[in-house]
């Protein structure tokens, strides 16, 4: 069993991961219940008549905004909901969370390499697109680039979920005043009925 935090409800829930662990043995619980964070994502398919071809209706797939206003706006604009599905998405905050969510080492490597390719592809695109408007030329030509530094650059813009922000804030407090951080955690656990 794995403790995961349901961001929408702010509740810690136990989730069985037996199917995922069949190949790799038992899954151990993470050291923190915040190593794996879940977020529900609602998506809807909408349709409306196509003014150019009435036999081929328009179709759009929309992810719900935080306040759901985008759904209301579409419906006001004549779109009709066809389907709605809720997906539980996952984010990890530690290496323990990675091991817990993805017990298979081969799958961990696959996921890591997928992210690594994305980072490198983005960096390559930036280097290739770099253009000097004054000289009207591309900045980089006939050069070789080792992307190791790019792999380790922190992202320019990072969106942090509220739960991850709380965790980061508590860890920052702990680095400055461990006793105060322990008091805060104990009080939160008491308020949540964990202890």
Foldseek 3Di string as FASTA:
>chain_A
DEWEAELVVRDTDDDDPCVLCVVPHDADYFPDSHQKYKYKKKKWKWWAADPVDRVDIDIDIDIADPVNVVVVVVVVVGIDTDDMDIDIDMDGDDPSSLCRVHVDPVVSVVVVVVVVVVQVVVVVVCQQPQADPVVRGRPDDPDDDDCPVSSPDDDPDDDDRPSRVVVVVLVVVCVVPVVVSVVVVVVVCVVSVVD
